[in-house]
C-alpha atoms as a PDB file:
ATOM      1  CA  MET A   1       1.284 -27.267 -13.374  1.00  0.00           C
ATOM      2  CA  THR A   2       3.317 -24.131 -12.800  1.00  0.00           C
ATOM      3  CA  ALA A   3       3.322 -20.606 -14.124  1.00  0.00           C
ATOM      4  CA  ALA A   4       6.587 -18.668 -14.273  1.00  0.00           C
ATOM      5  CA  LEU A   5       7.039 -14.940 -13.827  1.00  0.00           C
ATOM      6  CA  PRO A   6       9.768 -13.198 -15.868  1.00  0.00           C
ATOM      7  CA  GLN A   7      12.435 -11.652 -13.694  1.00  0.00           C
ATOM      8  CA  SER A   8      12.800  -8.361 -15.570  1.00  0.00           C
ATOM      9  CA  PRO A   9       9.756  -6.969 -17.409  1.00  0.00           C
ATOM     10  CA  SER A  10      11.866  -4.405 -19.244  1.00  0.00           C
ATOM     11  CA  ALA A  11      14.224  -7.045 -20.633  1.00  0.00           C
ATOM     12  CA  ARG A  12      11.791  -9.844 -21.415  1.00  0.00           C
ATOM     13  CA  PRO A  13       8.282 -10.158 -22.863  1.00  0.00           C
ATOM     14  CA  ARG A  14       5.365  -9.442 -20.562  1.00  0.00           C
ATOM     15  CA  PRO A  15       4.499 -12.312 -18.189  1.00  0.00           C
ATOM     16  CA  GLY A  16       2.610 -15.016 -20.015  1.00  0.00           C
ATOM     17  CA  PRO A  17      -0.279 -16.540 -18.067  1.00  0.00           C
ATOM     18  CA  PRO A  18      -0.768 -20.273 -17.753  1.00  0.00           C
ATOM     19  CA  GLU A  19      -3.553 -21.991 -19.616  1.00  0.00           C
ATOM     20  CA  PRO A  20      -7.061 -20.952 -18.472  1.00  0.00           C
ATOM     21  CA  VAL A  21      -8.443 -22.620 -15.373  1.00  0.00           C
ATOM     22  CA  ASN A  22     -10.168 -25.934 -16.123  1.00  0.00           C
ATOM     23  CA  ARG A  23     -13.904 -25.348 -16.494  1.00  0.00           C
ATOM     24  CA  ARG A  24     -15.274 -28.622 -15.162  1.00  0.00           C
ATOM     25  CA  HIS A  25     -12.856 -29.653 -12.470  1.00  0.00           C
ATOM     26  CA  HIS A  26     -10.944 -27.755  -9.839  1.00  0.00           C
ATOM     27  CA  HIS A  27      -7.207 -28.121 -10.423  1.00  0.00           C
ATOM     28  CA  PRO A  28      -5.173 -25.776  -8.190  1.00  0.00           C
ATOM     29  CA  LEU A  29      -2.509 -24.059 -10.252  1.00  0.00           C
ATOM     30  CA  ARG A  30       0.930 -23.750  -8.655  1.00  0.00           C
ATOM     31  CA  VAL A  31       2.274 -20.288  -9.474  1.00  0.00           C
ATOM     32  CA  VAL A  32       6.010 -19.984  -8.905  1.00  0.00           C
ATOM     33  CA  HIS A  33       8.867 -17.606  -9.510  1.00  0.00           C
ATOM     34  CA  PRO A  34      11.495 -18.935 -11.940  1.00  0.00           C
ATOM     35  CA  THR A  35      14.428 -20.689 -10.308  1.00  0.00           C
ATOM     36  CA  ALA A  36      17.097 -18.276 -11.509  1.00  0.00           C
ATOM     37  CA  PRO A  37      19.890 -18.348  -8.917  1.00  0.00           C
ATOM     38  CA  VAL A  38      20.430 -15.424  -6.566  1.00  0.00           C
ATOM     39  CA  ASP A  39      24.109 -14.909  -5.728  1.00  0.00           C
ATOM     40  CA  LEU A  40      23.876 -13.352  -2.282  1.00  0.00           C
ATOM     41  CA  ALA A  41      27.651 -13.377  -1.771  1.00  0.00           C
ATOM     42  CA  ALA A  42      28.210 -11.392  -4.971  1.00  0.00           C
ATOM     43  CA  ALA A  43      25.348  -9.059  -4.072  1.00  0.00           C
ATOM     44  CA  GLU A  44      26.876  -8.456  -0.631  1.00  0.00           C
ATOM     45  CA  ARG A  45      30.264  -7.614  -2.135  1.00  0.00           C
ATOM     46  CA  ALA A  46      28.624  -5.280  -4.629  1.00  0.00           C
ATOM     47  CA  ALA A  47      26.618  -3.606  -1.858  1.00  0.00           C
ATOM     48  CA  ALA A  48      29.778  -3.041   0.172  1.00  0.00           C
ATOM     49  CA  ALA A  49      31.522  -1.516  -2.854  1.00  0.00           C
ATOM     50  CA  PHE A  50      28.471   0.625  -3.608  1.00  0.00           C
ATOM     51  CA  LEU A  51      28.327   2.023  -0.077  1.00  0.00           C
ATOM     52  CA  ALA A  52      32.082   2.615   0.002  1.00  0.00           C
ATOM     53  CA  ALA A  53      31.860   4.514  -3.301  1.00  0.00           C
ATOM     54  CA  LEU A  54      29.291   6.798  -1.666  1.00  0.00           C
ATOM     55  CA  GLY A  55      31.620   7.462   1.251  1.00  0.00           C
ATOM     56  CA  VAL A  56      29.782   5.249   3.749  1.00  0.00           C
ATOM     57  CA  ASP A  57      32.111   3.529   6.213  1.00  0.00           C
ATOM     58  CA  VAL A  58      30.908  -0.065   6.583  1.00  0.00           C
ATOM     59  CA  ALA A  59      33.718  -1.040   8.956  1.00  0.00           C
ATOM     60  CA  THR A  60      31.927   0.273  12.044  1.00  0.00           C
ATOM     61  CA  GLU A  61      30.294  -2.152  14.456  1.00  0.00           C
ATOM     62  CA  ASN A  62      26.779  -1.048  13.521  1.00  0.00           C
ATOM     63  CA  ARG A  63      27.390  -1.191   9.752  1.00  0.00           C
ATOM     64  CA  ARG A  64      29.615  -4.235   9.484  1.00  0.00           C
ATOM     65  CA  ASP A  65      26.700  -6.455   8.459  1.00  0.00           C
ATOM     66  CA  THR A  66      24.860  -3.802   6.454  1.00  0.00           C
ATOM     67  CA  PRO A  67      25.956  -5.016   2.975  1.00  0.00           C
ATOM     68  CA  GLY A  68      24.680  -8.518   3.735  1.00  0.00           C
ATOM     69  CA  ARG A  69      21.405  -7.212   5.129  1.00  0.00           C
ATOM     70  CA  MET A  70      21.028  -4.993   2.088  1.00  0.00           C
ATOM     71  CA  ALA A  71      21.590  -7.919  -0.297  1.00  0.00           C
ATOM     72  CA  ARG A  72      19.116 -10.146   1.541  1.00  0.00           C
ATOM     73  CA  ALA A  73      16.526  -7.380   1.710  1.00  0.00           C
ATOM     74  CA  TYR A  74      16.583  -6.765  -2.039  1.00  0.00           C
ATOM     75  CA  ALA A  75      16.570 -10.499  -2.746  1.00  0.00           C
ATOM     76  CA  GLU A  76      13.395 -10.780  -0.668  1.00  0.00           C
ATOM     77  CA  MET A  77      11.786  -7.763  -2.329  1.00  0.00           C
ATOM     78  CA  PHE A  78      12.505  -9.197  -5.786  1.00  0.00           C
ATOM     79  CA  THR A  79      11.235 -12.741  -5.082  1.00  0.00           C
ATOM     80  CA  PRO A  80       7.470 -13.418  -5.075  1.00  0.00           C
ATOM     81  CA  ARG A  81       6.304 -16.255  -2.864  1.00  0.00           C
ATOM     82  CA  PRO A  82       4.853 -19.256  -4.719  1.00  0.00           C
ATOM     83  CA  PHE A  83       1.183 -19.984  -4.156  1.00  0.00           C
ATOM     84  CA  ASP A  84      -1.673 -22.201  -5.298  1.00  0.00           C
ATOM     85  CA  LEU A  85      -4.216 -20.406  -7.476  1.00  0.00           C
ATOM     86  CA  THR A  86      -7.413 -21.844  -6.011  1.00  0.00           C
ATOM     87  CA  THR A  87     -10.702 -21.493  -7.899  1.00  0.00           C
ATOM     88  CA  PHE A  88     -14.190 -22.891  -7.337  1.00  0.00           C
ATOM     89  CA  PRO A  89     -17.170 -23.550  -9.611  1.00  0.00           C
ATOM     90  CA  ASN A  90     -19.631 -20.672  -9.739  1.00  0.00           C
ATOM     91  CA  ASP A  91     -22.510 -23.072  -9.079  1.00  0.00           C
ATOM     92  CA  ASP A  92     -24.877 -20.343  -7.856  1.00  0.00           C
ATOM     93  CA  GLY A  93     -24.373 -18.279 -10.984  1.00  0.00           C
ATOM     94  CA  TYR A  94     -23.215 -15.200  -9.070  1.00  0.00           C
ATOM     95  CA  ASP A  95     -22.847 -12.448 -11.666  1.00  0.00           C
ATOM     96  CA  GLU A  96     -22.198  -9.290  -9.639  1.00  0.00           C
ATOM     97  CA  MET A  97     -18.900  -7.618  -8.802  1.00  0.00           C
ATOM     98  CA  VAL A  98     -16.386  -9.302  -6.508  1.00  0.00           C
ATOM     99  CA  LEU A  99     -13.972  -6.703  -5.152  1.00  0.00           C
ATOM    100  CA  ALA A 100     -11.073  -6.800  -2.693  1.00  0.00           C
ATOM    101  CA  ARG A 101     -10.189  -3.306  -1.493  1.00  0.00           C
ATOM    102  CA  ALA A 102      -6.980  -1.998   0.059  1.00  0.00           C
ATOM    103  CA  ILE A 103      -4.722  -4.934  -0.826  1.00  0.00           C
ATOM    104  CA  PRO A 104      -1.230  -3.901   0.359  1.00  0.00           C
ATOM    105  CA  VAL A 105       1.183  -3.010  -2.442  1.00  0.00           C
ATOM    106  CA  GLN A 106       4.925  -3.004  -1.753  1.00  0.00           C
ATOM    107  CA  SER A 107       7.196  -2.696  -4.752  1.00  0.00           C
ATOM    108  CA  VAL A 108      10.413  -1.037  -5.914  1.00  0.00           C
ATOM    109  CA  CYS A 109      10.680   1.657  -8.560  1.00  0.00           C
ATOM    110  CA  GLU A 110      12.904   0.330 -11.321  1.00  0.00           C
ATOM    111  CA  HIS A 111      14.352   3.796 -12.017  1.00  0.00           C
ATOM    112  CA  HIS A 112      15.822   4.533  -8.567  1.00  0.00           C
ATOM    113  CA  LEU A 113      15.361   1.202  -6.744  1.00  0.00           C
ATOM    114  CA  LEU A 114      13.420   3.001  -4.030  1.00  0.00           C
ATOM    115  CA  PRO A 115      10.184   1.555  -2.664  1.00  0.00           C
ATOM    116  CA  PHE A 116       6.694   2.603  -3.587  1.00  0.00           C
ATOM    117  CA  VAL A 117       3.908   1.516  -1.270  1.00  0.00           C
ATOM    118  CA  GLY A 118       0.154   1.767  -1.274  1.00  0.00           C
ATOM    119  CA  VAL A 119      -2.988  -0.243  -1.877  1.00  0.00           C
ATOM    120  CA  ALA A 120      -4.639  -2.066  -4.760  1.00  0.00           C
ATOM    121  CA  HIS A 121      -8.349  -2.512  -5.355  1.00  0.00           C
ATOM    122  CA  VAL A 122      -8.994  -5.554  -7.534  1.00  0.00           C
ATOM    123  CA  GLY A 123     -12.410  -6.615  -8.778  1.00  0.00           C
ATOM    124  CA  TYR A 124     -13.871  -8.994 -11.318  1.00  0.00           C
ATOM    125  CA  LEU A 125     -17.191 -10.137 -12.754  1.00  0.00           C
ATOM    126  CA  PRO A 126     -17.269 -13.931 -12.325  1.00  0.00           C
ATOM    127  CA  GLY A 127     -17.671 -16.306 -15.203  1.00  0.00           C
ATOM    128  CA  ASP A 128     -17.788 -20.068 -14.724  1.00  0.00           C
ATOM    129  CA  ARG A 129     -15.404 -20.005 -11.754  1.00  0.00           C
ATOM    130  CA  ILE A 130     -14.729 -17.815  -8.731  1.00  0.00           C
ATOM    131  CA  LEU A 131     -11.370 -17.152  -7.135  1.00  0.00           C
ATOM    132  CA  GLY A 132     -10.332 -17.655  -3.523  1.00  0.00           C
ATOM    133  CA  LEU A 133     -10.313 -14.092  -2.154  1.00  0.00           C
ATOM    134  CA  SER A 134      -6.793 -14.271  -0.742  1.00  0.00           C
ATOM    135  CA  LYS A 135      -5.491 -15.082  -4.217  1.00  0.00           C
ATOM    136  CA  LEU A 136      -6.200 -11.550  -5.434  1.00  0.00           C
ATOM    137  CA  ALA A 137      -3.602 -10.330  -2.944  1.00  0.00           C
ATOM    138  CA  ARG A 138      -1.227 -13.099  -4.030  1.00  0.00           C
ATOM    139  CA  VAL A 139      -1.481 -12.062  -7.671  1.00  0.00           C
ATOM    140  CA  VAL A 140      -0.725  -8.442  -6.754  1.00  0.00           C
ATOM    141  CA  GLU A 141       2.375  -9.596  -4.870  1.00  0.00           C
ATOM    142  CA  LEU A 142       3.402 -11.828  -7.775  1.00  0.00           C
ATOM    143  CA  PHE A 143       3.944  -8.801  -9.980  1.00  0.00           C
ATOM    144  CA  ALA A 144       4.906  -6.286  -7.272  1.00  0.00           C
ATOM    145  CA  ARG A 145       7.982  -8.171  -6.044  1.00  0.00           C
ATOM    146  CA  GLN A 146      10.307  -7.054  -8.819  1.00  0.00           C
ATOM    147  CA  PRO A 147      11.653  -3.738 -10.124  1.00  0.00           C
ATOM    148  CA  GLN A 148       8.487  -2.084 -11.420  1.00  0.00           C
ATOM    149  CA  VAL A 149       6.647   0.968 -12.639  1.00  0.00           C
ATOM    150  CA  GLN A 150       3.154   1.423 -11.277  1.00  0.00           C
ATOM    151  CA  GLU A 151       1.505   1.632 -14.690  1.00  0.00           C
ATOM    152  CA  ARG A 152       2.906  -1.722 -15.786  1.00  0.00           C
ATOM    153  CA  LEU A 153       2.109  -3.360 -12.454  1.00  0.00           C
ATOM    154  CA  THR A 154      -1.536  -2.313 -12.734  1.00  0.00           C
ATOM    155  CA  GLN A 155      -1.860  -3.615 -16.284  1.00  0.00           C
ATOM    156  CA  GLN A 156      -0.071  -6.893 -15.550  1.00  0.00           C
ATOM    157  CA  VAL A 157      -2.414  -7.775 -12.684  1.00  0.00           C
ATOM    158  CA  ALA A 158      -5.480  -7.065 -14.841  1.00  0.00           C
ATOM    159  CA  ASP A 159      -4.156  -8.918 -17.898  1.00  0.00           C
ATOM    160  CA  TRP A 160      -3.075 -11.964 -15.902  1.00  0.00           C
ATOM    161  CA  LEU A 161      -6.394 -12.341 -14.108  1.00  0.00           C
ATOM    162  CA  GLN A 162      -8.411 -11.845 -17.287  1.00  0.00           C
ATOM    163  CA  THR A 163      -6.425 -14.425 -19.249  1.00  0.00           C
ATOM    164  CA  THR A 164      -5.991 -16.968 -16.446  1.00  0.00           C
ATOM    165  CA  LEU A 165      -9.401 -16.899 -14.762  1.00  0.00           C
ATOM    166  CA  GLU A 166     -11.433 -15.913 -17.849  1.00  0.00           C
ATOM    167  CA  PRO A 167     -14.006 -13.850 -15.930  1.00  0.00           C
ATOM    168  CA  ARG A 168     -16.483 -11.560 -17.681  1.00  0.00           C
ATOM    169  CA  GLY A 169     -14.377  -8.578 -16.700  1.00  0.00           C
ATOM    170  CA  VAL A 170     -11.524  -7.373 -14.475  1.00  0.00           C
ATOM    171  CA  GLY A 171     -10.707  -4.014 -12.920  1.00  0.00           C
ATOM    172  CA  VAL A 172      -7.589  -2.925 -11.029  1.00  0.00           C
ATOM    173  CA  VAL A 173      -6.831   0.380  -9.304  1.00  0.00           C
ATOM    174  CA  ILE A 174      -3.547   1.050  -7.513  1.00  0.00           C
ATOM    175  CA  GLU A 175      -2.885   4.035  -5.246  1.00  0.00           C
ATOM    176  CA  ALA A 176       0.737   4.389  -4.156  1.00  0.00           C
ATOM    177  CA  GLU A 177       3.275   6.810  -2.748  1.00  0.00           C
ATOM    178  CA  HIS A 178       6.700   6.721  -4.402  1.00  0.00           C
ATOM    179  CA  LEU A 179       9.727   7.387  -2.220  1.00  0.00           C
ATOM    180  CA  CYS A 180      11.645   8.508  -5.306  1.00  0.00           C
ATOM    181  CA  MET A 181       9.306  11.532  -5.215  1.00  0.00           C
ATOM    182  CA  THR A 182       9.167  12.068  -1.456  1.00  0.00           C
ATOM    183  CA  MET A 183      12.804  11.452  -0.403  1.00  0.00           C
ATOM    184  CA  ARG A 184      14.638  12.991  -3.373  1.00  0.00           C
ATOM    185  CA  GLY A 185      14.153  15.251  -6.369  1.00  0.00           C
ATOM    186  CA  VAL A 186      10.926  17.204  -6.002  1.00  0.00           C
ATOM    187  CA  HIS A 187      10.435  16.098  -2.341  1.00  0.00           C
ATOM    188  CA  ALA A 188       6.674  15.952  -2.898  1.00  0.00           C
ATOM    189  CA  ASP A 189       5.696  14.410   0.413  1.00  0.00           C
ATOM    190  CA  GLY A 190       2.244  12.838   0.538  1.00  0.00           C
ATOM    191  CA  VAL A 191       1.596  12.751  -3.216  1.00  0.00           C
ATOM    192  CA  THR A 192      -0.330   9.649  -4.270  1.00  0.00           C
ATOM    193  CA  THR A 193      -0.226   8.234  -7.798  1.00  0.00           C
ATOM    194  CA  VAL A 194      -3.387   6.482  -9.004  1.00  0.00           C
ATOM    195  CA  THR A 195      -3.425   4.072 -11.956  1.00  0.00           C
ATOM    196  CA  SER A 196      -6.180   1.864 -13.333  1.00  0.00           C
ATOM    197  CA  ALA A 197      -6.751  -0.930 -15.837  1.00  0.00           C
ATOM    198  CA  VAL A 198     -10.008  -2.547 -16.938  1.00  0.00           C
ATOM    199  CA  GLN A 199     -10.663  -5.588 -19.099  1.00  0.00           C
ATOM    200  CA  GLY A 200     -13.622  -7.358 -20.677  1.00  0.00           C
ATOM    201  CA  HIS A 201     -17.121  -6.157 -19.783  1.00  0.00           C
ATOM    202  CA  LEU A 202     -15.762  -3.456 -17.474  1.00  0.00           C
ATOM    203  CA  ARG A 203     -13.955  -1.922 -20.417  1.00  0.00           C
ATOM    204  CA  GLN A 204     -16.831  -2.311 -22.865  1.00  0.00           C
ATOM    205  CA  ASP A 205     -19.751  -1.230 -20.683  1.00  0.00           C
ATOM    206  CA  ALA A 206     -19.759   2.279 -19.201  1.00  0.00           C
ATOM    207  CA  ALA A 207     -22.234   1.438 -16.426  1.00  0.00           C
ATOM    208  CA  ALA A 208     -20.239  -1.594 -15.270  1.00  0.00           C
ATOM    209  CA  ARG A 209     -17.048   0.442 -15.379  1.00  0.00           C
ATOM    210  CA  ALA A 210     -18.646   3.222 -13.319  1.00  0.00           C
ATOM    211  CA  GLU A 211     -19.850   0.674 -10.760  1.00  0.00           C
ATOM    212  CA  PHE A 212     -16.342  -0.725 -10.387  1.00  0.00           C
ATOM    213  CA  PHE A 213     -14.761   2.680  -9.804  1.00  0.00           C
ATOM    214  CA  ALA A 214     -17.535   3.663  -7.378  1.00  0.00           C
ATOM    215  CA  LEU A 215     -16.832   0.543  -5.316  1.00  0.00           C
ATOM    216  CA  ALA A 216     -13.054   0.779  -5.615  1.00  0.00           C
ATOM    217  CA  LEU A 217     -12.808   4.511  -4.910  1.00  0.00           C
ATOM    218  CA  PRO A 218     -15.843   5.467  -2.814  1.00  0.00           C
ATOM    219  CA  ARG A 219     -16.275   9.154  -2.152  1.00  0.00           C
ATOM    220  CA  PRO A 220     -16.275  10.176   1.518  1.00  0.00           C
ATOM    221  CA  THR A 221     -19.729  11.024   2.800  1.00  0.00           C
ATOM    222  CA  ASN A 222     -20.352  14.420   4.376  1.00  0.00           C
ATOM    223  CA  ARG A 223     -22.434  13.666   7.439  1.00  0.00           C
ATOM    224  CA  ARG A 224     -24.074  16.527   9.265  1.00  0.00           C
ATOM    225  CA  ARG A 225     -23.419  16.767  12.947  1.00  0.00           C
ATOM    226  CA  PRO A 226     -26.526  16.383  15.110  1.00  0.00           C
END
């Protein structure tokens, strides 16, 4: 079974999750990017024309291969790696928060095609099944490797996990620095944008929601020196 990710969220409906994970048996779900062709040769020609239009000489020895490198780099940044969504029965009835903090986030702002980088904190309240911990990072990458806005990325990760895994609740926080703010325009170096999305019990119950944010965004402790 496979699940396909739309290539352009702004042009197509939001990514539809696969059917919920089987409750009785463990069937790994193969999550793949759609097989739309990438024309690297055309992308390289376009990159060369783009750089030339900006007055960049690509005929020098150091820049001769730059258009090709540029095309391959963006193709990599826009292509999530396929993975197996592995889940296990929650035989012990664990019902407390499961949280992965500081998952690397590397994406590209769809407005300027400049990177934004940071971390994601993803947690859920297990239902009948629990998720392999590495898969939380895989799901973040699944939606990050495409032209994005941080708000949509945060919501997509939460929605996909809630619908696919069917836990009792899901919470996602993303903290990221956008190069479109630090390298151009306002030149606001060091500014971090924080977005969040909560689903299920974490959205409905204030205490559960507060617990998630306390775990995801712990306040630094002020320790007195001896």
